[in-house]
Amino acid sequence: MTRDRRNYPRYRLNEGVLVTRRHVLGPILNLGMGGMCFEYFEGEQLDHGPMDLGIFSDRTRLLLSGIRATTVYDIVLEQGEGFLPLRRKRRAIRFLDLTPAQQQAIRQLLTTHTMGPA
């Protein structure tokens, strides 16, 4: 049995909450005060070291940017085929040094956009 090393619980999010970089990467699957997990199509070069990401909610028009994070894992879910062979991937990240404003915005998302524990 593997031990969950998270310091904070994760919660499944409603549809429409997306992770961004220079543009939308994909849907956020779960979120907690310590990090998040999202899916994306390979093509965007994402660093495994520290990177800046954002969170966007269409429903509430929230755009939270400049979130420093590092990769916990990055796995291939589906190998693309055909003329556009992009792989669908899942990445979990850990937040680094959230500002008080970022912490408050994430707490607000956890109150208004969750479907229960992940």
Protein backbone atom coordinates (compact mmCIF):
# COMPACT_ATOMS: atom_id res chain seq x y z
CA MET A 1 0.00 0.00 0.00
CA THR A 2 1.42 3.41 -0.93
CA ARG A 3 1.28 6.27 1.52
CA ASP A 4 -0.31 9.51 0.34
CA ARG A 5 2.33 12.18 0.90
CA ARG A 6 0.04 15.16 0.38
CA ASN A 7 -0.18 17.70 3.15
CA TYR A 8 -3.61 18.92 1.99
CA PRO A 9 -6.66 17.01 0.73
CA ARG A 10 -7.58 17.21 -2.96
CA TYR A 11 -11.08 17.83 -4.31
CA ARG A 12 -12.64 16.98 -7.68
CA LEU A 13 -13.61 20.10 -9.60
CA ASN A 14 -16.70 20.87 -11.64
CA GLU A 15 -16.26 21.14 -15.40
CA GLY A 16 -15.01 24.44 -16.76
CA VAL A 17 -11.99 25.00 -14.50
CA LEU A 18 -8.88 24.94 -16.66
CA VAL A 19 -5.13 25.16 -16.25
CA THR A 20 -3.39 27.79 -18.37
CA ARG A 21 0.09 28.67 -19.42
CA ARG A 22 0.34 30.98 -22.43
CA HIS A 23 -3.02 29.53 -23.46
CA VAL A 24 -5.44 26.91 -22.10
CA LEU A 25 -3.75 23.55 -21.52
CA GLY A 26 -6.68 21.45 -20.31
CA PRO A 27 -9.13 20.61 -17.52
CA ILE A 28 -8.13 20.50 -13.88
CA LEU A 29 -9.17 17.14 -12.43
CA ASN A 30 -8.50 17.86 -8.77
CA LEU A 31 -7.22 20.73 -6.67
CA GLY A 32 -6.04 21.29 -3.12
CA MET A 33 -4.08 23.93 -1.27
CA GLY A 34 -0.86 22.03 -2.01
CA GLY A 35 -1.27 21.31 -5.72
CA MET A 36 -3.45 20.05 -8.55
CA CYS A 37 -3.75 17.43 -11.26
CA PHE A 38 -4.74 18.20 -14.86
CA GLU A 39 -4.89 16.64 -18.31
CA TYR A 40 -3.41 18.12 -21.47
CA PHE A 41 -2.27 17.19 -24.94
CA GLU A 42 1.45 16.97 -25.44
CA GLY A 43 2.66 19.73 -27.72
CA GLU A 44 3.08 22.45 -25.14
CA GLN A 45 6.61 22.14 -23.79
CA LEU A 46 6.16 21.98 -20.02
CA ASP A 47 9.18 22.02 -17.76
CA HIS A 48 9.47 19.45 -14.99
CA GLY A 49 11.21 21.98 -12.77
CA PRO A 50 9.65 25.18 -11.46
CA MET A 51 7.12 26.71 -13.88
CA ASP A 52 4.37 29.34 -13.87
CA LEU A 53 0.80 28.20 -14.43
CA GLY A 54 -2.64 29.74 -14.13
CA ILE A 55 -6.19 28.71 -13.28
CA PHE A 56 -9.21 29.89 -15.28
CA SER A 57 -12.89 29.42 -14.47
CA ASP A 58 -15.34 30.33 -17.20
CA ARG A 59 -18.29 30.24 -14.80
CA THR A 60 -16.92 32.87 -12.42
CA ARG A 61 -14.51 34.56 -14.86
CA LEU A 62 -11.63 33.90 -12.47
CA LEU A 63 -8.14 34.10 -13.92
CA LEU A 64 -5.43 33.35 -11.41
CA SER A 65 -1.95 33.61 -12.92
CA GLY A 66 1.68 33.37 -11.85
CA ILE A 67 1.28 30.20 -9.79
CA ARG A 68 4.75 28.73 -9.26
CA ALA A 69 4.73 24.94 -9.31
CA THR A 70 6.88 21.88 -9.84
CA THR A 71 5.98 18.49 -11.34
CA VAL A 72 5.21 15.49 -9.12
CA TYR A 73 4.42 13.16 -12.04
CA ASP A 74 3.62 13.36 -15.76
CA ILE A 75 2.18 10.24 -17.42
CA VAL A 76 0.89 9.31 -20.88
CA LEU A 77 -2.79 8.33 -20.88
CA GLU A 78 -3.35 7.84 -24.59
CA GLN A 79 -1.07 7.72 -27.60
CA GLY A 80 -2.30 9.91 -30.45
CA GLU A 81 -2.67 8.52 -33.95
CA GLY A 82 -3.28 9.81 -37.46
CA PHE A 83 -2.12 13.07 -38.96
CA LEU A 84 -1.87 14.78 -35.54
CA PRO A 85 -0.23 12.23 -33.21
CA LEU A 86 -0.48 14.16 -29.93
CA ARG A 87 -0.41 12.18 -26.72
CA ARG A 88 -2.96 12.88 -23.99
CA LYS A 89 -1.17 13.21 -20.66
CA ARG A 90 -1.93 13.70 -16.98
CA ARG A 91 0.30 15.82 -14.77
CA ALA A 92 0.27 16.40 -11.03
CA ILE A 93 2.01 19.48 -9.70
CA ARG A 94 2.92 20.86 -6.28
CA PHE A 95 2.49 24.56 -5.63
CA LEU A 96 5.55 26.59 -4.58
CA ASP A 97 5.19 29.67 -2.38
CA LEU A 98 1.60 30.75 -3.05
CA THR A 99 0.94 34.41 -2.30
CA PRO A 100 -1.85 35.23 0.19
CA ALA A 101 -4.04 36.39 -2.74
CA GLN A 102 -3.45 33.10 -4.60
CA GLN A 103 -4.24 31.10 -1.45
CA GLN A 104 -7.49 33.02 -1.00
CA ALA A 105 -8.50 32.50 -4.66
CA ILE A 106 -7.82 28.74 -4.40
CA ARG A 107 -9.83 28.54 -1.16
CA GLN A 108 -12.69 30.28 -2.98
CA LEU A 109 -12.48 27.78 -5.85
CA LEU A 110 -12.56 24.91 -3.36
CA THR A 111 -15.76 26.32 -1.82
CA THR A 112 -17.59 27.05 -5.07
CA HIS A 113 -16.33 24.59 -7.70
CA THR A 114 -15.87 21.18 -6.05
CA MET A 115 -17.82 17.90 -6.28
CA GLY A 116 -16.23 16.17 -3.29
CA PRO A 117 -12.95 14.55 -2.28
CA ALA A 118 -10.66 13.24 -5.02
